[in-house]
């Protein structure tokens, strides 16, 4: 599978509605995660020992749907699948310098592969953070952009230095 990047993935009004319901909604629940990428491989320019790489997430789907899944319905209906494995939204916190969060495969334990999964990442806001793929492909965080790649491709989040938070929807599906 080749990496596909699609700009302006959703109608601008649908994108705006999703952002209002998620980013601007003071009642949208966020959950603290002490580590952004579990079981990551070491990365240069990553977090030093004891340095926090925490983030906030909301699990939209994992065996059952969140009460807030309706905000993601327009996005998920455009993904060509009928079977999701996991859908979550990440809120990555601003760092003083770009930090690699760790090379990983989604939903895979250390040393394990999940070749059956596809990964799509949808960017909710503009910032100078990005997604880096092991083949060197850099996907900048551009609002309303969708990138899709095989879960055999190691990838990492690189934190932003300009916006307080970087919002991405991470979609794993078959």
N, C-alpha and C. Protein backbone atom coordinates (compact mmCIF):
# COMPACT_ATOMS: atom_id res chain seq x y z
N UNK A 1 0.84 -1.18 0.00
CA UNK A 1 0.00 0.00 0.00
C UNK A 1 0.89 1.25 0.00
N UNK A 2 0.60 2.16 -0.86
CA UNK A 2 1.35 3.41 -0.90
C UNK A 2 0.71 4.42 0.05
N UNK A 3 1.50 5.37 0.48
CA UNK A 3 1.01 6.43 1.35
C UNK A 3 0.17 7.40 0.52
N UNK A 4 -1.04 7.70 1.00
CA UNK A 4 -1.93 8.63 0.31
C UNK A 4 -2.19 9.82 1.21
N UNK A 5 -2.03 11.02 0.66
CA UNK A 5 -2.33 12.26 1.39
C UNK A 5 -3.43 12.98 0.64
N UNK A 6 -4.51 13.29 1.34
CA UNK A 6 -5.64 13.99 0.72
C UNK A 6 -5.91 15.27 1.51
N UNK A 7 -5.73 16.41 0.87
CA UNK A 7 -6.06 17.69 1.50
C UNK A 7 -7.53 17.99 1.28
N UNK A 8 -8.09 18.81 2.16
CA UNK A 8 -9.51 19.19 2.10
C UNK A 8 -10.38 17.94 2.04
N UNK A 9 -10.10 17.00 2.93
CA UNK A 9 -10.78 15.71 2.93
C UNK A 9 -12.28 15.86 3.18
N UNK A 10 -12.65 16.70 4.12
CA UNK A 10 -14.07 16.94 4.40
C UNK A 10 -14.50 18.29 3.86
N UNK A 11 -15.78 18.41 3.65
CA UNK A 11 -16.35 19.72 3.34
C UNK A 11 -15.93 20.67 4.46
N UNK A 12 -15.52 21.89 4.14
CA UNK A 12 -15.03 22.82 5.17
C UNK A 12 -16.02 23.05 6.32
N UNK A 13 -17.30 23.05 6.03
CA UNK A 13 -18.30 23.26 7.09
C UNK A 13 -18.37 22.05 8.02
N UNK A 14 -18.22 20.83 7.48
CA UNK A 14 -18.19 19.63 8.32
C UNK A 14 -16.94 19.62 9.19
N UNK A 15 -15.82 20.01 8.60
CA UNK A 15 -14.58 20.08 9.38
C UNK A 15 -14.73 21.08 10.53
N UNK A 16 -15.28 22.23 10.23
CA UNK A 16 -15.49 23.27 11.25
C UNK A 16 -16.42 22.75 12.36
N UNK A 17 -17.50 22.08 11.97
CA UNK A 17 -18.44 21.52 12.95
C UNK A 17 -17.74 20.51 13.86
N UNK A 18 -16.90 19.65 13.28
CA UNK A 18 -16.18 18.67 14.08
C UNK A 18 -15.25 19.37 15.07
N UNK A 19 -14.53 20.36 14.61
CA UNK A 19 -13.61 21.09 15.50
C UNK A 19 -14.36 21.80 16.63
N UNK A 20 -15.50 22.36 16.32
CA UNK A 20 -16.30 23.01 17.36
C UNK A 20 -16.77 22.00 18.40
N UNK A 21 -17.16 20.82 17.95
CA UNK A 21 -17.66 19.79 18.85
C UNK A 21 -16.59 19.12 19.67
N UNK A 22 -15.35 19.16 19.20
CA UNK A 22 -14.26 18.45 19.88
C UNK A 22 -13.30 19.44 20.55
N UNK A 23 -12.70 20.31 19.77
CA UNK A 23 -11.67 21.21 20.29
C UNK A 23 -12.27 22.33 21.14
N UNK A 24 -13.37 22.90 20.68
CA UNK A 24 -13.93 24.07 21.35
C UNK A 24 -15.02 23.72 22.37
N UNK A 25 -15.33 22.45 22.52
CA UNK A 25 -16.39 22.00 23.42
C UNK A 25 -15.82 21.77 24.82
N UNK A 26 -16.18 22.62 25.76
CA UNK A 26 -15.62 22.49 27.11
C UNK A 26 -16.10 21.22 27.82
N UNK A 27 -17.09 20.54 27.28
CA UNK A 27 -17.60 19.31 27.89
C UNK A 27 -17.03 18.04 27.23
N UNK A 28 -16.20 18.20 26.20
CA UNK A 28 -15.60 17.04 25.55
C UNK A 28 -14.56 16.44 26.50
N UNK A 29 -14.68 15.15 26.84
CA UNK A 29 -13.76 14.56 27.83
C UNK A 29 -12.41 14.16 27.23
N UNK A 30 -11.36 14.58 27.90
CA UNK A 30 -9.99 14.23 27.55
C UNK A 30 -9.39 13.43 28.69
N UNK A 31 -8.57 12.43 28.35
CA UNK A 31 -7.98 11.54 29.35
C UNK A 31 -6.46 11.60 29.25
N UNK A 32 -5.83 11.81 30.39
CA UNK A 32 -4.38 11.94 30.47
C UNK A 32 -3.69 10.62 30.14
N UNK A 33 -2.66 10.69 29.29
CA UNK A 33 -1.81 9.54 28.96
C UNK A 33 -0.37 9.92 29.31
N UNK A 34 0.27 9.20 30.20
CA UNK A 34 1.65 9.56 30.57
C UNK A 34 2.65 9.35 29.44
N UNK A 35 2.32 8.47 28.48
CA UNK A 35 3.19 8.18 27.34
C UNK A 35 2.35 8.22 26.07
N UNK A 36 2.83 8.92 25.05
CA UNK A 36 2.07 9.04 23.80
C UNK A 36 2.13 7.77 22.97
N UNK A 37 3.32 7.19 22.81
CA UNK A 37 3.48 5.99 21.98
C UNK A 37 4.01 4.86 22.87
N UNK A 38 3.15 3.92 23.26
CA UNK A 38 3.63 2.83 24.11
C UNK A 38 4.59 1.91 23.37
N UNK A 39 5.57 1.38 24.08
CA UNK A 39 6.58 0.47 23.52
C UNK A 39 7.30 1.04 22.30
N UNK A 40 7.69 2.32 22.34
CA UNK A 40 8.35 2.87 21.15
C UNK A 40 9.78 2.37 21.03
N UNK A 41 10.26 2.36 19.79
CA UNK A 41 11.68 2.11 19.55
C UNK A 41 12.42 3.41 19.84
N UNK A 42 13.68 3.36 20.22
CA UNK A 42 14.41 4.60 20.49
C UNK A 42 14.46 5.48 19.25
N UNK A 43 14.40 6.78 19.47
CA UNK A 43 14.43 7.71 18.34
C UNK A 43 15.41 8.84 18.65
N UNK A 44 16.22 9.23 17.66
CA UNK A 44 17.06 10.40 17.88
C UNK A 44 16.16 11.63 18.02
N UNK A 45 16.58 12.59 18.76
CA UNK A 45 15.82 13.80 19.01
C UNK A 45 14.51 13.49 19.72
N UNK A 46 14.49 12.39 20.43
CA UNK A 46 13.30 12.02 21.19
C UNK A 46 13.36 12.59 22.59
N UNK A 47 12.51 12.09 23.43
CA UNK A 47 12.45 12.55 24.80
C UNK A 47 13.56 11.91 25.61
N UNK A 48 14.21 12.70 26.43
CA UNK A 48 15.27 12.20 27.30
C UNK A 48 14.66 11.43 28.47
N UNK A 49 15.46 10.61 29.09
CA UNK A 49 15.03 9.85 30.27
C UNK A 49 14.41 10.81 31.28
N UNK A 50 13.21 10.49 31.74
CA UNK A 50 12.53 11.30 32.74
C UNK A 50 11.79 12.50 32.18
N UNK A 51 11.94 12.78 30.90
CA UNK A 51 11.26 13.91 30.28
C UNK A 51 9.85 13.49 29.90
N UNK A 52 8.86 14.31 30.20
CA UNK A 52 7.47 13.93 29.97
C UNK A 52 7.10 13.98 28.50
N UNK A 53 6.49 12.90 27.99
CA UNK A 53 5.93 12.90 26.64
C UNK A 53 4.43 12.64 26.73
N UNK A 54 3.83 13.22 27.73
CA UNK A 54 2.41 12.99 27.99
C UNK A 54 1.54 13.68 26.94
N UNK A 55 0.30 13.22 26.89
CA UNK A 55 -0.70 13.79 25.99
C UNK A 55 -2.07 13.51 26.59
N UNK A 56 -3.09 13.96 25.89
CA UNK A 56 -4.46 13.68 26.27
C UNK A 56 -5.14 13.00 25.09
N UNK A 57 -5.98 12.03 25.38
CA UNK A 57 -6.67 11.31 24.31
C UNK A 57 -8.14 11.13 24.65
N UNK A 58 -8.88 10.77 23.64
CA UNK A 58 -10.27 10.35 23.81
C UNK A 58 -10.47 9.16 22.88
N UNK A 59 -10.84 8.04 23.46
CA UNK A 59 -11.08 6.84 22.67
C UNK A 59 -12.49 6.91 22.09
N UNK A 60 -12.57 7.09 20.80
CA UNK A 60 -13.85 7.20 20.11
C UNK A 60 -14.44 5.80 19.89
N UNK A 61 -13.56 4.84 19.54
CA UNK A 61 -14.02 3.47 19.34
C UNK A 61 -12.94 2.46 19.71
N UNK A 62 -13.31 1.49 20.51
CA UNK A 62 -12.55 0.28 20.77
C UNK A 62 -13.55 -0.70 21.36
N UNK A 63 -14.13 -1.53 20.52
CA UNK A 63 -15.19 -2.49 20.88
C UNK A 63 -16.54 -1.85 21.15
N UNK A 64 -16.56 -0.58 21.47
CA UNK A 64 -17.82 0.16 21.61
C UNK A 64 -17.56 1.63 21.31
N UNK A 65 -18.61 2.34 20.97
CA UNK A 65 -18.49 3.74 20.56
C UNK A 65 -18.63 4.67 21.76
N UNK A 66 -17.85 5.73 21.75
CA UNK A 66 -17.93 6.80 22.74
C UNK A 66 -19.27 7.53 22.58
N UNK A 67 -19.71 8.16 23.64
CA UNK A 67 -20.92 8.98 23.57
C UNK A 67 -20.73 10.19 22.64
N UNK A 68 -19.50 10.48 22.27
CA UNK A 68 -19.20 11.64 21.42
C UNK A 68 -18.87 11.24 19.98
N UNK A 69 -19.15 9.99 19.62
CA UNK A 69 -18.75 9.51 18.29
C UNK A 69 -19.46 10.24 17.15
N UNK A 70 -20.61 10.85 17.42
CA UNK A 70 -21.34 11.54 16.35
C UNK A 70 -20.52 12.68 15.73
N UNK A 71 -19.60 13.27 16.49
CA UNK A 71 -18.75 14.32 15.93
C UNK A 71 -17.81 13.77 14.85
N UNK A 72 -17.55 12.50 14.87
CA UNK A 72 -16.60 11.88 13.94
C UNK A 72 -17.29 11.17 12.78
N UNK A 73 -18.60 11.10 12.82
CA UNK A 73 -19.36 10.35 11.81
C UNK A 73 -19.07 10.81 10.38
N UNK A 74 -19.06 12.11 10.07
CA UNK A 74 -18.76 12.51 8.68
C UNK A 74 -17.39 12.05 8.21
N UNK A 75 -16.41 12.08 9.10
CA UNK A 75 -15.07 11.62 8.77
C UNK A 75 -15.04 10.12 8.54
N UNK A 76 -15.62 9.38 9.47
CA UNK A 76 -15.57 7.92 9.39
C UNK A 76 -16.38 7.36 8.23
N UNK A 77 -17.44 8.04 7.84
CA UNK A 77 -18.24 7.59 6.69
C UNK A 77 -17.47 7.71 5.39
N UNK A 78 -16.47 8.61 5.33
CA UNK A 78 -15.67 8.76 4.11
C UNK A 78 -14.50 7.78 4.04
N UNK A 79 -14.20 7.12 5.16
CA UNK A 79 -13.14 6.10 5.16
C UNK A 79 -13.74 4.84 4.55
N UNK A 80 -13.05 4.26 3.60
CA UNK A 80 -13.59 3.10 2.88
C UNK A 80 -13.39 1.81 3.66
N UNK A 81 -14.26 1.61 4.64
CA UNK A 81 -14.24 0.39 5.45
C UNK A 81 -15.59 0.23 6.15
N UNK A 82 -15.83 -0.95 6.60
CA UNK A 82 -17.00 -1.19 7.44
C UNK A 82 -16.58 -1.72 8.80
N UNK A 83 -15.26 -1.93 8.96
CA UNK A 83 -14.78 -2.51 10.22
C UNK A 83 -13.62 -1.70 10.78
N UNK A 84 -13.92 -0.99 11.85
CA UNK A 84 -12.89 -0.24 12.55
C UNK A 84 -12.31 -1.10 13.66
N UNK A 85 -11.04 -0.91 13.93
CA UNK A 85 -10.39 -1.58 15.05
C UNK A 85 -10.28 -0.63 16.23
N UNK A 86 -9.85 0.61 15.95
CA UNK A 86 -9.75 1.63 16.99
C UNK A 86 -9.81 2.99 16.33
N UNK A 87 -10.48 3.91 17.00
CA UNK A 87 -10.50 5.32 16.59
C UNK A 87 -10.25 6.13 17.85
N UNK A 88 -9.23 6.98 17.81
CA UNK A 88 -8.98 7.83 18.97
C UNK A 88 -8.50 9.19 18.50
N UNK A 89 -8.72 10.17 19.34
CA UNK A 89 -8.23 11.50 19.04
C UNK A 89 -7.12 11.81 20.05
N UNK A 90 -6.03 12.35 19.53
CA UNK A 90 -4.89 12.71 20.36
C UNK A 90 -4.77 14.23 20.45
N UNK A 91 -4.45 14.69 21.63
CA UNK A 91 -4.13 16.10 21.87
C UNK A 91 -2.69 16.14 22.37
N UNK A 92 -1.78 16.49 21.48
CA UNK A 92 -0.35 16.53 21.78
C UNK A 92 0.00 17.91 22.30
N UNK A 93 0.73 17.96 23.40
CA UNK A 93 1.07 19.22 24.04
C UNK A 93 2.32 19.85 23.42
N UNK A 94 2.32 21.16 23.38
CA UNK A 94 3.43 21.94 22.84
C UNK A 94 4.73 21.63 23.60
N UNK A 95 5.84 21.58 22.86
CA UNK A 95 7.16 21.35 23.44
C UNK A 95 8.08 22.53 23.06
N UNK A 96 9.13 22.79 23.83
CA UNK A 96 10.03 23.89 23.49
C UNK A 96 10.86 23.63 22.23
N UNK A 97 11.04 22.36 21.87
CA UNK A 97 11.73 21.99 20.63
C UNK A 97 11.03 20.75 20.07
N UNK A 98 11.12 20.51 18.75
CA UNK A 98 10.46 19.32 18.18
C UNK A 98 10.98 18.04 18.83
N UNK A 99 10.08 17.16 19.22
CA UNK A 99 10.44 15.90 19.86
C UNK A 99 9.76 14.74 19.13
N UNK A 100 10.53 13.70 18.81
CA UNK A 100 9.97 12.48 18.25
C UNK A 100 9.43 11.66 19.42
N UNK A 101 8.20 11.21 19.28
CA UNK A 101 7.55 10.48 20.37
C UNK A 101 7.88 9.00 20.37
N UNK A 102 8.49 8.50 19.33
CA UNK A 102 8.91 7.09 19.31
C UNK A 102 8.32 6.32 18.15
N UNK A 103 9.16 5.60 17.44
CA UNK A 103 8.72 4.79 16.30
C UNK A 103 7.83 3.67 16.80
N UNK A 104 6.72 3.44 16.12
CA UNK A 104 5.80 2.40 16.55
C UNK A 104 4.87 1.98 15.42
N UNK A 105 4.21 0.85 15.63
CA UNK A 105 3.09 0.39 14.80
C UNK A 105 1.86 0.47 15.68
N UNK A 106 0.76 0.93 15.14
CA UNK A 106 -0.45 1.08 15.94
C UNK A 106 -0.97 -0.27 16.41
N UNK A 107 -1.43 -0.30 17.64
CA UNK A 107 -2.06 -1.45 18.27
C UNK A 107 -1.19 -2.70 18.27
N UNK A 108 0.12 -2.54 18.21
CA UNK A 108 1.03 -3.69 18.21
C UNK A 108 1.87 -3.67 19.47
N UNK A 109 2.03 -4.83 20.07
CA UNK A 109 2.92 -4.96 21.21
C UNK A 109 4.35 -5.00 20.69
N UNK A 110 5.30 -4.72 21.55
CA UNK A 110 6.71 -4.69 21.14
C UNK A 110 7.09 -6.00 20.46
N UNK A 111 7.69 -5.88 19.28
CA UNK A 111 8.10 -7.06 18.52
C UNK A 111 6.99 -7.70 17.72
N UNK A 112 5.80 -7.15 17.79
CA UNK A 112 4.64 -7.72 17.09
C UNK A 112 4.27 -6.81 15.92
N UNK A 113 3.70 -7.38 14.91
CA UNK A 113 3.24 -6.61 13.76
C UNK A 113 1.73 -6.72 13.67
N UNK A 114 1.09 -5.70 13.16
CA UNK A 114 -0.35 -5.74 12.88
C UNK A 114 -0.55 -5.41 11.41
N UNK A 115 -0.06 -6.31 10.55
CA UNK A 115 -0.09 -6.09 9.10
C UNK A 115 -1.50 -6.01 8.55
N UNK A 116 -2.47 -6.51 9.30
CA UNK A 116 -3.84 -6.51 8.83
C UNK A 116 -4.50 -5.13 8.89
N UNK A 117 -3.89 -4.20 9.60
CA UNK A 117 -4.50 -2.89 9.80
C UNK A 117 -4.01 -1.85 8.80
N UNK A 118 -4.90 -0.92 8.49
CA UNK A 118 -4.54 0.30 7.79
C UNK A 118 -4.61 1.42 8.83
N UNK A 119 -3.84 2.46 8.59
CA UNK A 119 -3.82 3.61 9.48
C UNK A 119 -4.20 4.84 8.67
N UNK A 120 -5.14 5.62 9.19
CA UNK A 120 -5.42 6.94 8.65
C UNK A 120 -5.28 7.94 9.79
N UNK A 121 -4.68 9.06 9.50
CA UNK A 121 -4.55 10.14 10.47
C UNK A 121 -5.20 11.37 9.85
N UNK A 122 -6.12 11.95 10.62
CA UNK A 122 -6.83 13.15 10.17
C UNK A 122 -6.40 14.30 11.08
N UNK A 123 -5.96 15.38 10.49
CA UNK A 123 -5.44 16.54 11.22
C UNK A 123 -6.55 17.57 11.40
N UNK A 124 -6.79 17.94 12.67
CA UNK A 124 -7.85 18.90 12.96
C UNK A 124 -7.37 20.34 12.92
N UNK A 125 -6.09 20.58 13.26
CA UNK A 125 -5.62 21.97 13.29
C UNK A 125 -4.25 22.10 12.62
N UNK A 126 -3.95 23.33 12.25
CA UNK A 126 -2.65 23.66 11.66
C UNK A 126 -1.64 23.89 12.78
N UNK A 127 -0.44 23.36 12.60
CA UNK A 127 0.66 23.61 13.53
C UNK A 127 1.93 23.11 12.87
N UNK A 128 3.08 23.35 13.51
CA UNK A 128 4.33 22.93 12.88
C UNK A 128 4.78 21.53 13.31
N UNK A 129 3.93 20.77 13.98
CA UNK A 129 4.20 19.37 14.26
C UNK A 129 3.95 18.56 13.00
N UNK A 130 4.36 17.30 13.02
CA UNK A 130 4.16 16.47 11.83
C UNK A 130 4.23 14.99 12.19
N UNK A 131 3.85 14.18 11.23
CA UNK A 131 3.99 12.73 11.32
C UNK A 131 5.16 12.35 10.43
N UNK A 132 6.03 11.51 10.95
CA UNK A 132 7.19 11.07 10.19
C UNK A 132 7.10 9.56 9.99
N UNK A 133 7.23 9.12 8.74
CA UNK A 133 7.21 7.69 8.41
C UNK A 133 8.65 7.19 8.26
N UNK A 134 8.85 5.90 8.50
CA UNK A 134 10.20 5.34 8.47
C UNK A 134 10.88 5.47 7.12
N UNK A 135 10.11 5.64 6.05
CA UNK A 135 10.72 5.82 4.73
C UNK A 135 11.15 7.26 4.47
N UNK A 136 11.00 8.13 5.50
CA UNK A 136 11.41 9.53 5.39
C UNK A 136 10.29 10.47 5.02
N UNK A 137 9.11 9.95 4.69
CA UNK A 137 7.99 10.80 4.34
C UNK A 137 7.58 11.63 5.56
N UNK A 138 7.43 12.93 5.34
CA UNK A 138 7.00 13.85 6.39
C UNK A 138 5.62 14.38 6.01
N UNK A 139 4.67 14.23 6.92
CA UNK A 139 3.32 14.73 6.69
C UNK A 139 3.06 15.85 7.67
N UNK A 140 3.02 17.07 7.15
CA UNK A 140 2.80 18.24 8.00
C UNK A 140 1.37 18.25 8.53
N UNK A 141 1.20 18.84 9.71
CA UNK A 141 -0.13 18.97 10.32
C UNK A 141 -0.87 20.12 9.66
N UNK A 142 -1.72 19.78 8.73
CA UNK A 142 -2.53 20.75 8.01
C UNK A 142 -3.99 20.39 8.28
N UNK A 143 -4.74 21.33 8.79
CA UNK A 143 -6.14 21.08 9.10
C UNK A 143 -6.88 20.53 7.90
N UNK A 144 -7.72 19.52 8.14
CA UNK A 144 -8.57 18.89 7.13
C UNK A 144 -7.75 18.04 6.14
N UNK A 145 -6.62 17.55 6.58
CA UNK A 145 -5.78 16.65 5.76
C UNK A 145 -5.93 15.23 6.31
N UNK A 146 -5.99 14.25 5.40
CA UNK A 146 -6.02 12.84 5.78
C UNK A 146 -4.84 12.15 5.12
N UNK A 147 -4.09 11.39 5.92
CA UNK A 147 -3.02 10.56 5.38
C UNK A 147 -3.36 9.11 5.70
N UNK A 148 -3.10 8.21 4.76
CA UNK A 148 -3.37 6.78 4.94
C UNK A 148 -2.13 5.99 4.54
N UNK A 149 -1.79 5.00 5.38
CA UNK A 149 -0.64 4.14 5.09
C UNK A 149 -0.84 2.80 5.77
N UNK A 150 -0.03 1.84 5.38
CA UNK A 150 -0.11 0.50 5.95
C UNK A 150 0.48 0.50 7.36
N UNK A 151 -0.08 -0.33 8.21
CA UNK A 151 0.44 -0.44 9.57
C UNK A 151 1.73 -1.26 9.63
N UNK A 152 2.32 -1.57 8.49
CA UNK A 152 3.66 -2.17 8.47
C UNK A 152 4.72 -1.07 8.46
N UNK A 153 4.29 0.17 8.32
CA UNK A 153 5.19 1.33 8.26
C UNK A 153 5.35 1.93 9.66
N UNK A 154 6.56 1.82 10.21
CA UNK A 154 6.82 2.50 11.47
C UNK A 154 6.59 3.99 11.28
N UNK A 155 6.04 4.62 12.30
CA UNK A 155 5.78 6.05 12.22
C UNK A 155 5.91 6.65 13.61
N UNK A 156 6.03 7.96 13.64
CA UNK A 156 6.14 8.68 14.90
C UNK A 156 5.53 10.06 14.77
N UNK A 157 5.06 10.54 15.88
CA UNK A 157 4.58 11.92 15.99
C UNK A 157 5.79 12.79 16.33
N UNK A 158 5.87 13.96 15.72
CA UNK A 158 6.87 14.94 16.09
C UNK A 158 6.10 16.14 16.62
N UNK A 159 6.35 16.48 17.87
CA UNK A 159 5.56 17.51 18.55
C UNK A 159 5.80 18.90 17.95
N UNK A 160 4.83 19.73 18.13
CA UNK A 160 4.83 21.09 17.62
C UNK A 160 5.43 22.04 18.66
N UNK A 161 5.89 23.20 18.16
CA UNK A 161 6.44 24.23 19.04
C UNK A 161 5.64 25.53 18.97
N UNK A 162 4.64 25.59 18.08
CA UNK A 162 3.91 26.84 17.90
C UNK A 162 2.52 26.84 18.54
N UNK A 163 1.74 25.82 18.35
CA UNK A 163 0.38 25.76 18.90
C UNK A 163 0.40 25.04 20.25
N UNK A 164 -0.46 25.47 21.15
CA UNK A 164 -0.50 24.84 22.48
C UNK A 164 -0.82 23.35 22.39
N UNK A 165 -1.70 22.98 21.44
CA UNK A 165 -2.06 21.58 21.28
C UNK A 165 -2.16 21.22 19.80
N UNK A 166 -1.81 19.99 19.49
CA UNK A 166 -1.92 19.44 18.14
C UNK A 166 -2.98 18.36 18.21
N UNK A 167 -4.03 18.49 17.39
CA UNK A 167 -5.14 17.55 17.42
C UNK A 167 -5.13 16.67 16.18
N UNK A 168 -5.07 15.35 16.39
CA UNK A 168 -5.16 14.40 15.29
C UNK A 168 -6.11 13.29 15.65
N UNK A 169 -6.84 12.80 14.66
CA UNK A 169 -7.70 11.64 14.83
C UNK A 169 -6.95 10.47 14.22
N UNK A 170 -6.72 9.44 15.01
CA UNK A 170 -5.98 8.26 14.59
C UNK A 170 -7.00 7.14 14.36
N UNK A 171 -7.06 6.61 13.13
CA UNK A 171 -8.06 5.62 12.76
C UNK A 171 -7.37 4.35 12.32
N UNK A 172 -7.67 3.24 12.97
CA UNK A 172 -7.15 1.93 12.60
C UNK A 172 -8.33 1.09 12.10
N UNK A 173 -8.17 0.48 10.94
CA UNK A 173 -9.28 -0.27 10.33
C UNK A 173 -8.76 -1.32 9.39
N UNK A 174 -9.66 -2.18 8.95
CA UNK A 174 -9.33 -3.29 8.05
C UNK A 174 -9.77 -2.98 6.64
